Amino acid sequence: MTDSVFTEKAARHRKRMQRKKEVVDAAIARADQEKGLVLVLTGNGKGKSSSAFGMIARALGYGMRIGVAQFIKGRSDTGEEAFFRRQDNVVWHVLGEGFTWDTQNLERDAETARQGWIVVQKMLRDPEISLVVLDELTYPLKYGWLDTNIVLEDLRNRPLMQHVIITGRAAPEVLCEAADTVTEMCDVKHAFRSGIMAQKGIDL
């Protein structure tokens, strides 16, 4: 590449980046609100809970206090729980008794979810908790075990600066409408379908 061609290419690049910077700066200037956010991580792809746990680590870096409530899941031997339970600023609740195909008891599953929401309500009323993670909450909503109107009302009435992350497949439309940010994970390929079991540090 000759010097003149390189100089022209560099000049075009600089102009593109200047225009991009103007757009980005204008967007940042418009984003002048500060509030607690509701984030929904849904879709069939892997990574919904993992993303939420990553945000827990980020929040801990700022010295924030975290509350975690896991619906459906009943196991207490995952890597994330083993790590985060050791952190002083994390309160961790396993509110499920296992996947529905394991329990096979509709009324028991529904009652477990209702009792779990009582625990969540206390966290949603605590201004000292800056981030609440409601892992797999979409399932009790989808199955009708929890009243969606009550859940939405509790979310609306939480402390002003409290953030909430909700994970799980098939998030109800009304929940997505109420959220500030919604991310849908897309399932392109998964090792489990190739007969590979869940791996420590990746799935557990």
C-alpha atoms as a PDB file:
ATOM      1  CA  MET A   1       0.000   0.000   0.000  1.00  0.00           C
ATOM      2  CA  THR A   2       1.441   3.361  -1.027  1.00  0.00           C
ATOM      3  CA  ASP A   3       1.700   6.274   1.396  1.00  0.00           C
ATOM      4  CA  SER A   4      -0.959   8.252  -0.464  1.00  0.00           C
ATOM      5  CA  VAL A   5      -3.444   5.366  -0.415  1.00  0.00           C
ATOM      6  CA  PHE A   6      -2.790   4.774   3.280  1.00  0.00           C
ATOM      7  CA  THR A   7      -3.227   8.491   4.051  1.00  0.00           C
ATOM      8  CA  GLU A   8      -6.540   8.605   2.166  1.00  0.00           C
ATOM      9  CA  LYS A   9      -7.781   5.465   3.908  1.00  0.00           C
ATOM     10  CA  ALA A  10      -6.766   6.870   7.297  1.00  0.00           C
ATOM     11  CA  ALA A  11      -8.598  10.137   6.537  1.00  0.00           C
ATOM     12  CA  ARG A  12     -11.811   8.266   5.604  1.00  0.00           C
ATOM     13  CA  HIS A  13     -11.538   6.197   8.769  1.00  0.00           C
ATOM     14  CA  ARG A  14     -11.078   9.333  10.904  1.00  0.00           C
ATOM     15  CA  LYS A  15     -14.193  10.933   9.384  1.00  0.00           C
ATOM     16  CA  ARG A  16     -16.256   7.776  10.015  1.00  0.00           C
ATOM     17  CA  MET A  17     -15.084   7.641  13.617  1.00  0.00           C
ATOM     18  CA  GLN A  18     -15.827  11.345  14.101  1.00  0.00           C
ATOM     19  CA  ARG A  19     -19.393  10.831  12.858  1.00  0.00           C
ATOM     20  CA  LYS A  20     -19.767   7.751  15.049  1.00  0.00           C
ATOM     21  CA  LYS A  21     -18.473   9.635  18.085  1.00  0.00           C
ATOM     22  CA  GLU A  22     -21.036  12.394  17.494  1.00  0.00           C
ATOM     23  CA  VAL A  23     -23.845   9.818  17.424  1.00  0.00           C
ATOM     24  CA  VAL A  24     -22.572   8.037  20.539  1.00  0.00           C
ATOM     25  CA  ASP A  25     -22.017  11.289  22.442  1.00  0.00           C
ATOM     26  CA  ALA A  26     -25.541  12.459  21.575  1.00  0.00           C
ATOM     27  CA  ALA A  27     -27.021   9.161  22.804  1.00  0.00           C
ATOM     28  CA  ILE A  28     -25.063   9.416  26.062  1.00  0.00           C
ATOM     29  CA  ALA A  29     -26.255  13.003  26.537  1.00  0.00           C
ATOM     30  CA  ARG A  30     -29.892  11.886  26.139  1.00  0.00           C
ATOM     31  CA  ALA A  31     -29.459   9.088  28.694  1.00  0.00           C
ATOM     32  CA  ASP A  32     -29.696  11.341  31.732  1.00  0.00           C
ATOM     33  CA  GLN A  33     -31.974   9.220  33.938  1.00  0.00           C
ATOM     34  CA  GLU A  34     -30.742   7.141  36.860  1.00  0.00           C
ATOM     35  CA  LYS A  35     -33.047   4.444  38.207  1.00  0.00           C
ATOM     36  CA  GLY A  36     -33.226   0.824  39.201  1.00  0.00           C
ATOM     37  CA  LEU A  37     -33.661  -1.395  36.165  1.00  0.00           C
ATOM     38  CA  VAL A  38     -35.630  -4.555  35.466  1.00  0.00           C
ATOM     39  CA  LEU A  39     -33.734  -6.840  33.096  1.00  0.00           C
ATOM     40  CA  VAL A  40     -35.264  -9.961  31.547  1.00  0.00           C
ATOM     41  CA  LEU A  41     -32.965 -12.651  30.147  1.00  0.00           C
ATOM     42  CA  THR A  42     -35.052 -15.139  28.197  1.00  0.00           C
ATOM     43  CA  GLY A  43     -34.978 -17.398  25.137  1.00  0.00           C
ATOM     44  CA  ASN A  44     -34.021 -21.023  24.497  1.00  0.00           C
ATOM     45  CA  GLY A  45     -30.277 -20.467  24.378  1.00  0.00           C
ATOM     46  CA  LYS A  46     -27.746 -21.210  27.093  1.00  0.00           C
ATOM     47  CA  GLY A  47     -26.384 -18.368  29.207  1.00  0.00           C
ATOM     48  CA  LYS A  48     -29.352 -16.659  30.864  1.00  0.00           C
ATOM     49  CA  SER A  49     -28.440 -17.493  34.454  1.00  0.00           C
ATOM     50  CA  SER A  50     -24.730 -17.242  33.649  1.00  0.00           C
ATOM     51  CA  SER A  51     -25.251 -13.677  32.446  1.00  0.00           C
ATOM     52  CA  ALA A  52     -27.116 -12.816  35.640  1.00  0.00           C
ATOM     53  CA  PHE A  53     -24.309 -14.272  37.766  1.00  0.00           C
ATOM     54  CA  GLY A  54     -21.811 -12.215  35.795  1.00  0.00           C
ATOM     55  CA  MET A  55     -23.747  -9.091  36.728  1.00  0.00           C
ATOM     56  CA  ILE A  56     -23.630 -10.187  40.363  1.00  0.00           C
ATOM     57  CA  ALA A  57     -19.834 -10.204  40.135  1.00  0.00           C
ATOM     58  CA  ARG A  58     -19.923  -6.767  38.522  1.00  0.00           C
ATOM     59  CA  ALA A  59     -22.187  -5.373  41.250  1.00  0.00           C
ATOM     60  CA  LEU A  60     -20.006  -6.860  43.985  1.00  0.00           C
ATOM     61  CA  GLY A  61     -17.106  -4.940  42.497  1.00  0.00           C
ATOM     62  CA  TYR A  62     -18.972  -1.771  43.456  1.00  0.00           C
ATOM     63  CA  GLY A  63     -19.640  -3.016  46.978  1.00  0.00           C
ATOM     64  CA  MET A  64     -23.353  -3.536  46.298  1.00  0.00           C
ATOM     65  CA  ARG A  65     -25.497  -5.941  48.322  1.00  0.00           C
ATOM     66  CA  ILE A  66     -27.109  -8.754  46.298  1.00  0.00           C
ATOM     67  CA  GLY A  67     -30.131 -10.996  46.824  1.00  0.00           C
ATOM     68  CA  VAL A  68     -30.564 -14.185  44.788  1.00  0.00           C
ATOM     69  CA  ALA A  69     -33.718 -16.303  44.607  1.00  0.00           C
ATOM     70  CA  GLN A  70     -33.624 -19.484  42.528  1.00  0.00           C
ATOM     71  CA  PHE A  71     -36.991 -20.919  41.533  1.00  0.00           C
ATOM     72  CA  ILE A  72     -37.451 -24.457  40.181  1.00  0.00           C
ATOM     73  CA  LYS A  73     -33.831 -25.455  40.777  1.00  0.00           C
ATOM     74  CA  GLY A  74     -33.413 -27.477  43.941  1.00  0.00           C
ATOM     75  CA  ARG A  75     -29.713 -28.363  43.926  1.00  0.00           C
ATOM     76  CA  SER A  76     -27.250 -26.535  46.140  1.00  0.00           C
ATOM     77  CA  ASP A  77     -23.989 -27.867  44.686  1.00  0.00           C
ATOM     78  CA  THR A  78     -23.452 -25.526  41.741  1.00  0.00           C
ATOM     79  CA  GLY A  79     -20.225 -23.609  41.281  1.00  0.00           C
ATOM     80  CA  GLU A  80     -21.959 -20.233  41.334  1.00  0.00           C
ATOM     81  CA  GLU A  81     -23.657 -20.898  44.643  1.00  0.00           C
ATOM     82  CA  ALA A  82     -20.463 -22.307  46.176  1.00  0.00           C
ATOM     83  CA  PHE A  83     -18.639 -19.114  45.205  1.00  0.00           C
ATOM     84  CA  PHE A  84     -21.230 -16.431  45.852  1.00  0.00           C
ATOM     85  CA  ARG A  85     -22.381 -17.821  49.212  1.00  0.00           C
ATOM     86  CA  ARG A  86     -18.864 -17.053  50.461  1.00  0.00           C
ATOM     87  CA  GLN A  87     -19.301 -13.369  49.644  1.00  0.00           C
ATOM     88  CA  ASP A  88     -20.409 -11.198  52.561  1.00  0.00           C
ATOM     89  CA  ASN A  89     -22.703  -9.066  50.399  1.00  0.00           C
ATOM     90  CA  VAL A  90     -24.700 -11.935  48.866  1.00  0.00           C
ATOM     91  CA  VAL A  91     -27.889 -13.476  50.271  1.00  0.00           C
ATOM     92  CA  TRP A  92     -28.721 -16.689  48.371  1.00  0.00           C
ATOM     93  CA  HIS A  93     -32.039 -18.577  48.488  1.00  0.00           C
ATOM     94  CA  VAL A  94     -32.725 -21.876  46.707  1.00  0.00           C
ATOM     95  CA  LEU A  95     -36.522 -21.832  46.570  1.00  0.00           C
ATOM     96  CA  GLY A  96     -37.260 -24.807  44.340  1.00  0.00           C
ATOM     97  CA  GLU A  97     -37.261 -28.538  44.899  1.00  0.00           C
ATOM     98  CA  GLY A  98     -36.008 -29.576  41.499  1.00  0.00           C
ATOM     99  CA  PHE A  99     -37.272 -29.562  37.948  1.00  0.00           C
ATOM    100  CA  THR A 100     -40.983 -30.231  37.489  1.00  0.00           C
ATOM    101  CA  TRP A 101     -40.306 -33.547  35.753  1.00  0.00           C
ATOM    102  CA  ASP A 102     -38.476 -34.634  38.920  1.00  0.00           C
ATOM    103  CA  THR A 103     -41.042 -33.517  41.487  1.00  0.00           C
ATOM    104  CA  GLN A 104     -44.111 -34.589  39.444  1.00  0.00           C
ATOM    105  CA  ASN A 105     -46.375 -32.918  41.991  1.00  0.00           C
ATOM    106  CA  LEU A 106     -48.297 -29.934  40.632  1.00  0.00           C
ATOM    107  CA  GLU A 107     -49.764 -28.595  43.870  1.00  0.00           C
ATOM    108  CA  ARG A 108     -46.508 -29.019  45.735  1.00  0.00           C
ATOM    109  CA  ASP A 109     -44.606 -27.159  43.010  1.00  0.00           C
ATOM    110  CA  ALA A 110     -47.164 -24.340  43.038  1.00  0.00           C
ATOM    111  CA  GLU A 111     -47.054 -24.018  46.825  1.00  0.00           C
ATOM    112  CA  THR A 112     -43.248 -24.047  46.789  1.00  0.00           C
ATOM    113  CA  ALA A 113     -43.313 -21.159  44.304  1.00  0.00           C
ATOM    114  CA  ARG A 114     -45.820 -19.190  46.395  1.00  0.00           C
ATOM    115  CA  GLN A 115     -43.740 -19.619  49.538  1.00  0.00           C
ATOM    116  CA  GLY A 116     -40.687 -18.625  47.551  1.00  0.00           C
ATOM    117  CA  TRP A 117     -42.322 -15.382  46.463  1.00  0.00           C
ATOM    118  CA  ILE A 118     -42.838 -14.424  50.100  1.00  0.00           C
ATOM    119  CA  VAL A 119     -39.056 -14.609  50.481  1.00  0.00           C
ATOM    120  CA  VAL A 120     -38.621 -12.499  47.340  1.00  0.00           C
ATOM    121  CA  GLN A 121     -41.071  -9.866  48.576  1.00  0.00           C
ATOM    122  CA  LYS A 122     -38.862  -9.226  51.587  1.00  0.00           C
ATOM    123  CA  MET A 123     -35.877  -8.619  49.314  1.00  0.00           C
ATOM    124  CA  LEU A 124     -37.898  -6.341  47.033  1.00  0.00           C
ATOM    125  CA  ARG A 125     -38.773  -4.215  50.062  1.00  0.00           C
ATOM    126  CA  ASP A 126     -35.233  -3.962  51.373  1.00  0.00           C
ATOM    127  CA  PRO A 127     -33.490  -0.739  50.258  1.00  0.00           C
ATOM    128  CA  GLU A 128     -30.151  -2.171  51.396  1.00  0.00           C
ATOM    129  CA  ILE A 129     -30.283  -4.758  48.586  1.00  0.00           C
ATOM    130  CA  SER A 130     -29.135  -3.099  45.365  1.00  0.00           C
ATOM    131  CA  LEU A 131     -29.562  -6.061  43.008  1.00  0.00           C
ATOM    132  CA  VAL A 132     -32.100  -8.894  43.123  1.00  0.00           C
ATOM    133  CA  VAL A 133     -31.687 -11.897  40.817  1.00  0.00           C
ATOM    134  CA  LEU A 134     -34.836 -13.967  40.268  1.00  0.00           C
ATOM    135  CA  ASP A 135     -33.452 -17.025  38.536  1.00  0.00           C
ATOM    136  CA  GLU A 136     -35.963 -19.123  36.536  1.00  0.00           C
ATOM    137  CA  LEU A 137     -38.885 -16.919  37.641  1.00  0.00           C
ATOM    138  CA  THR A 138     -40.485 -17.171  34.206  1.00  0.00           C
ATOM    139  CA  TYR A 139     -41.558 -20.773  34.819  1.00  0.00           C
ATOM    140  CA  PRO A 140     -43.790 -20.167  37.887  1.00  0.00           C
ATOM    141  CA  LEU A 141     -45.338 -17.298  35.927  1.00  0.00           C
ATOM    142  CA  LYS A 142     -45.849 -19.387  32.797  1.00  0.00           C
ATOM    143  CA  TYR A 143     -47.402 -22.261  34.764  1.00  0.00           C
ATOM    144  CA  GLY A 144     -49.686 -19.914  36.707  1.00  0.00           C
ATOM    145  CA  TRP A 145     -48.197 -20.784  40.091  1.00  0.00           C
ATOM    146  CA  LEU A 146     -47.635 -17.098  40.804  1.00  0.00           C
ATOM    147  CA  ASP A 147     -50.033 -14.240  40.102  1.00  0.00           C
ATOM    148  CA  THR A 148     -48.356 -12.132  37.415  1.00  0.00           C
ATOM    149  CA  ASN A 149     -50.214  -9.015  38.568  1.00  0.00           C
ATOM    150  CA  ILE A 150     -48.853  -9.399  42.097  1.00  0.00           C
ATOM    151  CA  VAL A 151     -45.332  -9.971  40.776  1.00  0.00           C
ATOM    152  CA  LEU A 152     -45.507  -6.855  38.577  1.00  0.00           C
ATOM    153  CA  GLU A 153     -46.930  -4.784  41.425  1.00  0.00           C
ATOM    154  CA  ASP A 154     -44.141  -5.878  43.757  1.00  0.00           C
ATOM    155  CA  LEU A 155     -41.581  -4.995  41.090  1.00  0.00           C
ATOM    156  CA  ARG A 156     -43.121  -1.543  40.624  1.00  0.00           C
ATOM    157  CA  ASN A 157     -43.090  -0.858  44.372  1.00  0.00           C
ATOM    158  CA  ARG A 158     -39.477  -1.869  45.026  1.00  0.00           C
ATOM    159  CA  PRO A 159     -36.884   0.718  46.181  1.00  0.00           C
ATOM    160  CA  LEU A 160     -36.146   3.328  43.505  1.00  0.00           C
ATOM    161  CA  MET A 161     -32.526   2.326  42.840  1.00  0.00           C
ATOM    162  CA  GLN A 162     -32.918  -1.441  43.210  1.00  0.00           C
ATOM    163  CA  HIS A 163     -32.110  -3.463  40.079  1.00  0.00           C
ATOM    164  CA  VAL A 164     -33.856  -6.773  39.295  1.00  0.00           C
ATOM    165  CA  ILE A 165     -32.696  -9.469  36.879  1.00  0.00           C
ATOM    166  CA  ILE A 166     -35.203 -12.142  35.836  1.00  0.00           C
ATOM    167  CA  THR A 167     -34.132 -15.259  33.947  1.00  0.00           C
ATOM    168  CA  GLY A 168     -35.908 -18.150  32.271  1.00  0.00           C
ATOM    169  CA  ARG A 169     -37.404 -19.270  28.992  1.00  0.00           C
ATOM    170  CA  ALA A 170     -40.700 -18.011  27.564  1.00  0.00           C
ATOM    171  CA  ALA A 171     -40.887 -14.804  29.571  1.00  0.00           C
ATOM    172  CA  PRO A 172     -44.513 -13.567  29.556  1.00  0.00           C
ATOM    173  CA  GLU A 173     -45.171 -10.647  27.241  1.00  0.00           C
ATOM    174  CA  VAL A 174     -46.470  -8.454  30.073  1.00  0.00           C
ATOM    175  CA  LEU A 175     -43.220  -9.004  31.964  1.00  0.00           C
ATOM    176  CA  CYS A 176     -41.158  -8.041  28.926  1.00  0.00           C
ATOM    177  CA  GLU A 177     -43.277  -4.929  28.451  1.00  0.00           C
ATOM    178  CA  ALA A 178     -42.666  -3.902  32.058  1.00  0.00           C
ATOM    179  CA  ALA A 179     -38.903  -4.510  31.821  1.00  0.00           C
ATOM    180  CA  ASP A 180     -36.334  -1.874  30.916  1.00  0.00           C
ATOM    181  CA  THR A 181     -34.057  -4.308  29.068  1.00  0.00           C
ATOM    182  CA  VAL A 182     -34.979  -7.635  27.466  1.00  0.00           C
ATOM    183  CA  THR A 183     -32.407 -10.006  25.980  1.00  0.00           C
ATOM    184  CA  GLU A 184     -33.369 -13.177  24.143  1.00  0.00           C
ATOM    185  CA  MET A 185     -30.736 -15.919  24.020  1.00  0.00           C
ATOM    186  CA  CYS A 186     -30.737 -17.838  20.737  1.00  0.00           C
ATOM    187  CA  ASP A 187     -30.038 -21.577  20.727  1.00  0.00           C
ATOM    188  CA  VAL A 188     -27.774 -22.333  17.763  1.00  0.00           C
ATOM    189  CA  LYS A 189     -25.988 -25.438  19.041  1.00  0.00           C
ATOM    190  CA  HIS A 190     -25.733 -27.204  22.406  1.00  0.00           C
ATOM    191  CA  ALA A 191     -23.315 -29.909  23.540  1.00  0.00           C
ATOM    192  CA  PHE A 192     -26.026 -31.750  25.495  1.00  0.00           C
ATOM    193  CA  ARG A 193     -27.776 -32.734  22.270  1.00  0.00           C
ATOM    194  CA  SER A 194     -24.569 -34.465  21.216  1.00  0.00           C
ATOM    195  CA  GLY A 195     -24.691 -36.616  24.334  1.00  0.00           C
ATOM    196  CA  ILE A 196     -22.232 -34.560  26.369  1.00  0.00           C
ATOM    197  CA  MET A 197     -23.170 -34.326  30.037  1.00  0.00           C
ATOM    198  CA  ALA A 198     -23.259 -31.055  32.017  1.00  0.00           C
ATOM    199  CA  GLN A 199     -19.735 -29.910  32.822  1.00  0.00           C
ATOM    200  CA  LYS A 200     -18.476 -28.375  36.065  1.00  0.00           C
ATOM    201  CA  GLY A 201     -17.515 -24.762  35.577  1.00  0.00           C
ATOM    202  CA  ILE A 202     -19.589 -24.489  32.416  1.00  0.00           C
ATOM    203  CA  ASP A 203     -23.057 -25.836  33.200  1.00  0.00           C
ATOM    204  CA  LEU A 204     -22.780 -26.469  36.949  1.00  0.00           C
END
